[in-house]
Amino acid sequence: MKYNTRKLIKPGDLNANNTLFGGALLRWIDEEAGIYVMTKLNSTRVVTKYMSEINFVSSAKQGDVIEIGTEFVSIGRTSISLKCVVRNLLTKKVIIEIDKIVFVKIDHDEKPTPHNQTIETLNFNSETR
């Protein structure tokens, strides 16, 4: 798992329980995973198609620093799938796990289009796990 993004939990990120609002966390995950896929497919024309069950393992509070990790799962003709783990930067305690997030490359009519990539061309060798 490669952790690319870190976020500081601020007052505007909190829910009524004064812990990290799940919606804010999911927005950050979707953005991070989307950027990862864009770099792999060399295209900004990707959309989120699916997220599997979202497992909230523990909470985060104001002042915590979290890190978002993504890892390749599989590739299809028009899609690429990842998994995601978010954890506390200092304690390494897992906050959320998502087993599968699927992104699809789209054309200018917003229809799925082949990305013409393979596992070999995605260049995972440059990643530190």
N, C-alpha and C. Protein backbone atom coordinates (compact mmCIF):
# COMPACT_ATOMS: atom_id res chain seq x y z
N MET A 1 0.85 -1.18 0.00
CA MET A 1 0.00 0.00 0.00
C MET A 1 0.89 1.23 0.00
N LYS A 2 0.62 2.14 -0.91
CA LYS A 2 1.38 3.39 -0.98
C LYS A 2 0.51 4.53 -0.45
N TYR A 3 1.05 5.27 0.50
CA TYR A 3 0.34 6.40 1.10
C TYR A 3 0.88 7.69 0.51
N ASN A 4 0.06 8.33 -0.33
CA ASN A 4 0.49 9.54 -1.03
C ASN A 4 0.01 10.83 -0.39
N THR A 5 -1.14 10.80 0.24
CA THR A 5 -1.78 12.03 0.70
C THR A 5 -1.95 12.03 2.21
N ARG A 6 -1.70 13.19 2.78
CA ARG A 6 -1.92 13.40 4.21
C ARG A 6 -2.87 14.56 4.39
N LYS A 7 -3.72 14.45 5.39
CA LYS A 7 -4.69 15.50 5.69
C LYS A 7 -4.67 15.78 7.19
N LEU A 8 -4.74 17.07 7.53
CA LEU A 8 -4.90 17.50 8.92
C LEU A 8 -6.38 17.67 9.18
N ILE A 9 -6.88 17.04 10.24
CA ILE A 9 -8.30 17.14 10.57
C ILE A 9 -8.53 18.49 11.26
N LYS A 10 -9.36 19.32 10.63
CA LYS A 10 -9.65 20.68 11.10
C LYS A 10 -11.10 20.78 11.57
N PRO A 11 -11.47 21.86 12.25
CA PRO A 11 -12.84 22.00 12.78
C PRO A 11 -13.92 21.81 11.71
N GLY A 12 -13.70 22.29 10.50
CA GLY A 12 -14.70 22.16 9.44
C GLY A 12 -14.88 20.74 8.92
N ASP A 13 -14.01 19.82 9.34
CA ASP A 13 -14.07 18.42 8.90
C ASP A 13 -14.84 17.54 9.88
N LEU A 14 -15.35 18.13 10.96
CA LEU A 14 -15.94 17.35 12.05
C LEU A 14 -17.45 17.21 11.92
N ASN A 15 -17.98 16.13 12.49
CA ASN A 15 -19.42 15.91 12.55
C ASN A 15 -19.95 16.39 13.91
N ALA A 16 -21.21 16.11 14.19
CA ALA A 16 -21.82 16.55 15.45
C ALA A 16 -21.21 15.87 16.67
N ASN A 17 -20.50 14.78 16.47
CA ASN A 17 -19.84 14.06 17.55
C ASN A 17 -18.40 14.54 17.76
N ASN A 18 -18.01 15.59 17.00
CA ASN A 18 -16.65 16.15 17.05
C ASN A 18 -15.58 15.16 16.62
N THR A 19 -15.95 14.25 15.72
CA THR A 19 -14.99 13.36 15.08
C THR A 19 -15.08 13.60 13.58
N LEU A 20 -14.15 13.05 12.85
CA LEU A 20 -14.10 13.27 11.40
C LEU A 20 -15.41 12.85 10.73
N PHE A 21 -15.98 13.74 9.96
CA PHE A 21 -17.21 13.50 9.20
C PHE A 21 -16.90 12.51 8.08
N GLY A 22 -17.65 11.42 8.03
CA GLY A 22 -17.41 10.39 7.02
C GLY A 22 -17.51 10.91 5.60
N GLY A 23 -18.40 11.85 5.35
CA GLY A 23 -18.54 12.41 4.01
C GLY A 23 -17.29 13.14 3.55
N ALA A 24 -16.65 13.86 4.47
CA ALA A 24 -15.40 14.55 4.12
C ALA A 24 -14.32 13.53 3.79
N LEU A 25 -14.24 12.47 4.57
CA LEU A 25 -13.24 11.44 4.33
C LEU A 25 -13.47 10.74 2.99
N LEU A 26 -14.72 10.44 2.67
CA LEU A 26 -15.02 9.79 1.39
C LEU A 26 -14.69 10.71 0.21
N ARG A 27 -14.91 12.01 0.36
CA ARG A 27 -14.55 12.96 -0.69
C ARG A 27 -13.04 12.93 -0.92
N TRP A 28 -12.25 12.90 0.16
CA TRP A 28 -10.79 12.87 0.03
C TRP A 28 -10.33 11.56 -0.61
N ILE A 29 -10.96 10.46 -0.22
CA ILE A 29 -10.61 9.16 -0.80
C ILE A 29 -10.91 9.14 -2.29
N ASP A 30 -12.08 9.62 -2.67
CA ASP A 30 -12.47 9.63 -4.08
C ASP A 30 -11.50 10.48 -4.89
N GLU A 31 -11.10 11.61 -4.34
CA GLU A 31 -10.15 12.47 -5.04
C GLU A 31 -8.78 11.80 -5.17
N GLU A 32 -8.27 11.24 -4.09
CA GLU A 32 -6.96 10.59 -4.12
C GLU A 32 -6.95 9.41 -5.08
N ALA A 33 -7.97 8.56 -4.99
CA ALA A 33 -8.04 7.40 -5.87
C ALA A 33 -8.20 7.83 -7.33
N GLY A 34 -8.99 8.86 -7.56
CA GLY A 34 -9.17 9.37 -8.92
C GLY A 34 -7.87 9.89 -9.51
N ILE A 35 -7.11 10.62 -8.73
CA ILE A 35 -5.83 11.13 -9.21
C ILE A 35 -4.87 9.97 -9.50
N TYR A 36 -4.86 8.97 -8.64
CA TYR A 36 -4.02 7.80 -8.86
C TYR A 36 -4.36 7.15 -10.20
N VAL A 37 -5.65 6.95 -10.46
CA VAL A 37 -6.08 6.34 -11.73
C VAL A 37 -5.73 7.24 -12.91
N MET A 38 -5.92 8.53 -12.78
CA MET A 38 -5.56 9.46 -13.86
C MET A 38 -4.09 9.33 -14.23
N THR A 39 -3.23 9.19 -13.23
CA THR A 39 -1.79 9.05 -13.53
C THR A 39 -1.49 7.72 -14.20
N LYS A 40 -2.19 6.67 -13.81
CA LYS A 40 -1.96 5.36 -14.40
C LYS A 40 -2.49 5.27 -15.82
N LEU A 41 -3.65 5.89 -16.08
CA LEU A 41 -4.25 5.83 -17.41
C LEU A 41 -3.86 7.01 -18.29
N ASN A 42 -3.10 7.94 -17.72
CA ASN A 42 -2.66 9.12 -18.46
C ASN A 42 -3.85 9.86 -19.08
N SER A 43 -4.90 10.03 -18.27
CA SER A 43 -6.12 10.69 -18.73
C SER A 43 -6.87 11.27 -17.55
N THR A 44 -7.45 12.44 -17.75
CA THR A 44 -8.30 13.03 -16.72
C THR A 44 -9.76 12.63 -16.91
N ARG A 45 -10.05 11.89 -17.94
CA ARG A 45 -11.42 11.49 -18.26
C ARG A 45 -11.76 10.15 -17.60
N VAL A 46 -11.80 10.16 -16.27
CA VAL A 46 -12.18 8.98 -15.51
C VAL A 46 -13.27 9.37 -14.51
N VAL A 47 -14.14 8.42 -14.22
CA VAL A 47 -15.22 8.64 -13.25
C VAL A 47 -15.28 7.46 -12.29
N THR A 48 -15.76 7.75 -11.09
CA THR A 48 -15.97 6.70 -10.11
C THR A 48 -17.21 5.92 -10.49
N LYS A 49 -17.07 4.61 -10.61
CA LYS A 49 -18.19 3.75 -10.99
C LYS A 49 -18.79 3.04 -9.77
N TYR A 50 -17.91 2.65 -8.83
CA TYR A 50 -18.38 1.77 -7.76
C TYR A 50 -17.43 1.85 -6.56
N MET A 51 -18.01 1.78 -5.36
CA MET A 51 -17.24 1.58 -4.13
C MET A 51 -17.89 0.43 -3.39
N SER A 52 -17.06 -0.51 -2.97
CA SER A 52 -17.58 -1.64 -2.20
C SER A 52 -17.96 -1.17 -0.80
N GLU A 53 -18.29 -2.12 0.04
CA GLU A 53 -18.61 -1.80 1.43
C GLU A 53 -17.51 -0.95 2.04
N ILE A 54 -17.92 0.07 2.75
CA ILE A 54 -16.99 0.98 3.41
C ILE A 54 -16.96 0.61 4.88
N ASN A 55 -15.80 0.22 5.38
CA ASN A 55 -15.66 -0.23 6.75
C ASN A 55 -15.00 0.85 7.60
N PHE A 56 -15.81 1.56 8.40
CA PHE A 56 -15.28 2.54 9.33
C PHE A 56 -14.77 1.78 10.55
N VAL A 57 -13.46 1.74 10.72
CA VAL A 57 -12.83 0.94 11.76
C VAL A 57 -12.67 1.74 13.05
N SER A 58 -12.23 2.98 12.94
CA SER A 58 -12.05 3.84 14.10
C SER A 58 -12.26 5.28 13.67
N SER A 59 -12.30 6.17 14.63
CA SER A 59 -12.55 7.58 14.32
C SER A 59 -11.25 8.38 14.35
N ALA A 60 -11.35 9.59 13.84
CA ALA A 60 -10.25 10.55 13.91
C ALA A 60 -10.82 11.83 14.50
N LYS A 61 -9.98 12.59 15.16
CA LYS A 61 -10.46 13.80 15.81
C LYS A 61 -9.65 15.01 15.34
N GLN A 62 -10.14 16.18 15.69
CA GLN A 62 -9.46 17.41 15.32
C GLN A 62 -8.00 17.37 15.76
N GLY A 63 -7.12 17.76 14.85
CA GLY A 63 -5.69 17.76 15.13
C GLY A 63 -4.97 16.51 14.68
N ASP A 64 -5.71 15.43 14.43
CA ASP A 64 -5.08 14.21 13.91
C ASP A 64 -4.61 14.45 12.48
N VAL A 65 -3.55 13.78 12.11
CA VAL A 65 -3.10 13.77 10.73
C VAL A 65 -3.36 12.36 10.21
N ILE A 66 -4.07 12.28 9.09
CA ILE A 66 -4.36 10.98 8.50
C ILE A 66 -3.62 10.85 7.19
N GLU A 67 -3.43 9.61 6.75
CA GLU A 67 -2.84 9.38 5.45
C GLU A 67 -3.71 8.40 4.68
N ILE A 68 -3.81 8.67 3.36
CA ILE A 68 -4.67 7.89 2.49
C ILE A 68 -3.81 7.01 1.59
N GLY A 69 -4.05 5.71 1.66
CA GLY A 69 -3.28 4.76 0.86
C GLY A 69 -4.15 4.10 -0.19
N THR A 70 -3.57 3.91 -1.37
CA THR A 70 -4.26 3.22 -2.45
C THR A 70 -3.36 2.12 -3.00
N GLU A 71 -4.01 1.09 -3.53
CA GLU A 71 -3.26 -0.02 -4.10
C GLU A 71 -4.07 -0.64 -5.24
N PHE A 72 -3.39 -0.96 -6.32
CA PHE A 72 -4.01 -1.59 -7.48
C PHE A 72 -4.63 -2.93 -7.12
N VAL A 73 -5.83 -3.20 -7.65
CA VAL A 73 -6.49 -4.49 -7.45
C VAL A 73 -6.61 -5.23 -8.78
N SER A 74 -7.19 -4.57 -9.79
CA SER A 74 -7.38 -5.26 -11.07
C SER A 74 -7.61 -4.24 -12.18
N ILE A 75 -7.57 -4.74 -13.41
CA ILE A 75 -7.79 -3.89 -14.57
C ILE A 75 -8.76 -4.58 -15.51
N GLY A 76 -9.63 -3.79 -16.11
CA GLY A 76 -10.56 -4.29 -17.12
C GLY A 76 -10.34 -3.54 -18.43
N ARG A 77 -11.21 -3.74 -19.37
CA ARG A 77 -11.07 -3.10 -20.68
C ARG A 77 -11.24 -1.57 -20.60
N THR A 78 -12.18 -1.11 -19.78
CA THR A 78 -12.42 0.33 -19.62
C THR A 78 -12.18 0.79 -18.18
N SER A 79 -11.87 -0.13 -17.30
CA SER A 79 -11.82 0.19 -15.87
C SER A 79 -10.49 -0.16 -15.22
N ILE A 80 -10.32 0.41 -14.04
CA ILE A 80 -9.21 0.04 -13.15
C ILE A 80 -9.77 0.06 -11.74
N SER A 81 -9.39 -0.93 -10.93
CA SER A 81 -9.90 -1.06 -9.57
C SER A 81 -8.77 -0.95 -8.56
N LEU A 82 -9.08 -0.31 -7.43
CA LEU A 82 -8.12 -0.09 -6.35
C LEU A 82 -8.73 -0.52 -5.03
N LYS A 83 -7.89 -0.63 -4.02
CA LYS A 83 -8.38 -0.70 -2.66
C LYS A 83 -7.79 0.49 -1.92
N CYS A 84 -8.37 0.82 -0.79
CA CYS A 84 -7.95 2.01 -0.06
C CYS A 84 -7.96 1.74 1.44
N VAL A 85 -6.94 2.26 2.10
CA VAL A 85 -6.87 2.25 3.56
C VAL A 85 -6.49 3.65 4.00
N VAL A 86 -7.21 4.15 4.99
CA VAL A 86 -6.87 5.43 5.61
C VAL A 86 -6.49 5.13 7.04
N ARG A 87 -5.36 5.71 7.46
CA ARG A 87 -4.90 5.45 8.82
C ARG A 87 -4.37 6.73 9.45
N ASN A 88 -4.27 6.71 10.76
CA ASN A 88 -3.67 7.81 11.51
C ASN A 88 -2.17 7.78 11.23
N LEU A 89 -1.62 8.92 10.84
CA LEU A 89 -0.21 8.99 10.46
C LEU A 89 0.72 8.57 11.61
N LEU A 90 0.42 9.03 12.82
CA LEU A 90 1.33 8.78 13.94
C LEU A 90 1.14 7.42 14.58
N THR A 91 -0.11 7.02 14.79
CA THR A 91 -0.37 5.76 15.49
C THR A 91 -0.49 4.57 14.54
N LYS A 92 -0.69 4.84 13.24
CA LYS A 92 -0.92 3.82 12.21
C LYS A 92 -2.23 3.06 12.41
N LYS A 93 -3.09 3.54 13.29
CA LYS A 93 -4.39 2.92 13.53
C LYS A 93 -5.28 3.15 12.31
N VAL A 94 -5.87 2.08 11.79
CA VAL A 94 -6.73 2.16 10.60
C VAL A 94 -8.02 2.89 10.95
N ILE A 95 -8.42 3.83 10.08
CA ILE A 95 -9.65 4.58 10.26
C ILE A 95 -10.74 4.03 9.35
N ILE A 96 -10.39 3.74 8.11
CA ILE A 96 -11.37 3.23 7.15
C ILE A 96 -10.68 2.29 6.16
N GLU A 97 -11.43 1.29 5.70
CA GLU A 97 -10.96 0.36 4.68
C GLU A 97 -12.03 0.23 3.60
N ILE A 98 -11.60 0.28 2.35
CA ILE A 98 -12.49 0.03 1.22
C ILE A 98 -11.79 -1.00 0.34
N ASP A 99 -12.41 -2.15 0.18
CA ASP A 99 -11.78 -3.24 -0.57
C ASP A 99 -11.71 -3.00 -2.06
N LYS A 100 -12.68 -2.25 -2.62
CA LYS A 100 -12.68 -2.07 -4.06
C LYS A 100 -13.34 -0.74 -4.46
N ILE A 101 -12.59 0.04 -5.22
CA ILE A 101 -13.10 1.26 -5.84
C ILE A 101 -12.83 1.12 -7.33
N VAL A 102 -13.87 1.23 -8.13
CA VAL A 102 -13.74 1.05 -9.58
C VAL A 102 -13.90 2.39 -10.28
N PHE A 103 -12.92 2.69 -11.15
CA PHE A 103 -12.98 3.88 -11.99
C PHE A 103 -13.07 3.43 -13.44
N VAL A 104 -13.79 4.20 -14.25
CA VAL A 104 -13.97 3.89 -15.66
C VAL A 104 -13.50 5.09 -16.49
N LYS A 105 -12.75 4.79 -17.54
CA LYS A 105 -12.36 5.84 -18.48
C LYS A 105 -13.55 6.12 -19.39
N ILE A 106 -13.83 7.40 -19.64
CA ILE A 106 -14.96 7.78 -20.47
C ILE A 106 -14.50 8.62 -21.66
N ASP A 107 -15.33 8.62 -22.71
CA ASP A 107 -15.06 9.45 -23.87
C ASP A 107 -15.75 10.81 -23.69
N HIS A 108 -15.76 11.63 -24.72
CA HIS A 108 -16.35 12.97 -24.63
C HIS A 108 -17.87 12.95 -24.51
N ASP A 109 -18.48 11.81 -24.82
CA ASP A 109 -19.93 11.65 -24.65
C ASP A 109 -20.25 10.99 -23.30
N GLU A 110 -19.24 10.87 -22.45
CA GLU A 110 -19.35 10.28 -21.12
C GLU A 110 -19.75 8.81 -21.16
N LYS A 111 -19.34 8.11 -22.20
CA LYS A 111 -19.55 6.67 -22.35
C LYS A 111 -18.23 5.95 -22.05
N PRO A 112 -18.29 4.76 -21.45
CA PRO A 112 -17.05 4.00 -21.21
C PRO A 112 -16.28 3.79 -22.50
N THR A 113 -14.98 3.94 -22.40
CA THR A 113 -14.12 3.77 -23.56
C THR A 113 -12.87 2.98 -23.16
N PRO A 114 -12.35 2.15 -24.02
CA PRO A 114 -11.15 1.37 -23.68
C PRO A 114 -9.97 2.30 -23.34
N HIS A 115 -9.24 1.91 -22.32
CA HIS A 115 -8.06 2.71 -21.93
C HIS A 115 -6.78 2.19 -22.56
N ASN A 116 -6.84 1.01 -23.15
CA ASN A 116 -5.70 0.42 -23.87
C ASN A 116 -4.46 0.24 -22.99
N GLN A 117 -4.67 -0.06 -21.72
CA GLN A 117 -3.57 -0.31 -20.80
C GLN A 117 -3.60 -1.77 -20.35
N THR A 118 -2.46 -2.25 -19.94
CA THR A 118 -2.33 -3.59 -19.36
C THR A 118 -1.57 -3.44 -18.04
N ILE A 119 -1.52 -4.50 -17.30
CA ILE A 119 -0.74 -4.46 -16.05
C ILE A 119 0.71 -4.08 -16.35
N GLU A 120 1.24 -4.58 -17.44
CA GLU A 120 2.63 -4.30 -17.82
C GLU A 120 2.85 -2.82 -18.14
N THR A 121 1.88 -2.18 -18.78
CA THR A 121 2.06 -0.77 -19.18
C THR A 121 1.72 0.21 -18.08
N LEU A 122 1.13 -0.25 -16.99
CA LEU A 122 0.74 0.67 -15.91
C LEU A 122 1.91 1.11 -15.05
N ASN A 123 3.07 0.45 -15.16
CA ASN A 123 4.30 0.87 -14.49
C ASN A 123 4.18 0.90 -12.97
N PHE A 124 3.89 -0.23 -12.38
CA PHE A 124 3.84 -0.34 -10.92
C PHE A 124 5.23 -0.47 -10.32
N ASN A 125 6.25 -0.74 -11.13
CA ASN A 125 7.60 -0.91 -10.61
C ASN A 125 8.15 0.36 -9.98
N SER A 126 7.62 1.53 -10.37
CA SER A 126 8.12 2.79 -9.83
C SER A 126 7.51 3.13 -8.47
N GLU A 127 6.57 2.32 -8.00
CA GLU A 127 5.90 2.60 -6.73
C GLU A 127 6.60 1.92 -5.57
N THR A 128 6.66 2.62 -4.47
CA THR A 128 7.16 2.07 -3.22
C THR A 128 5.98 1.58 -2.41
N ARG A 129 6.01 0.37 -1.99
CA ARG A 129 4.88 -0.18 -1.23
C ARG A 129 5.19 -0.20 0.24
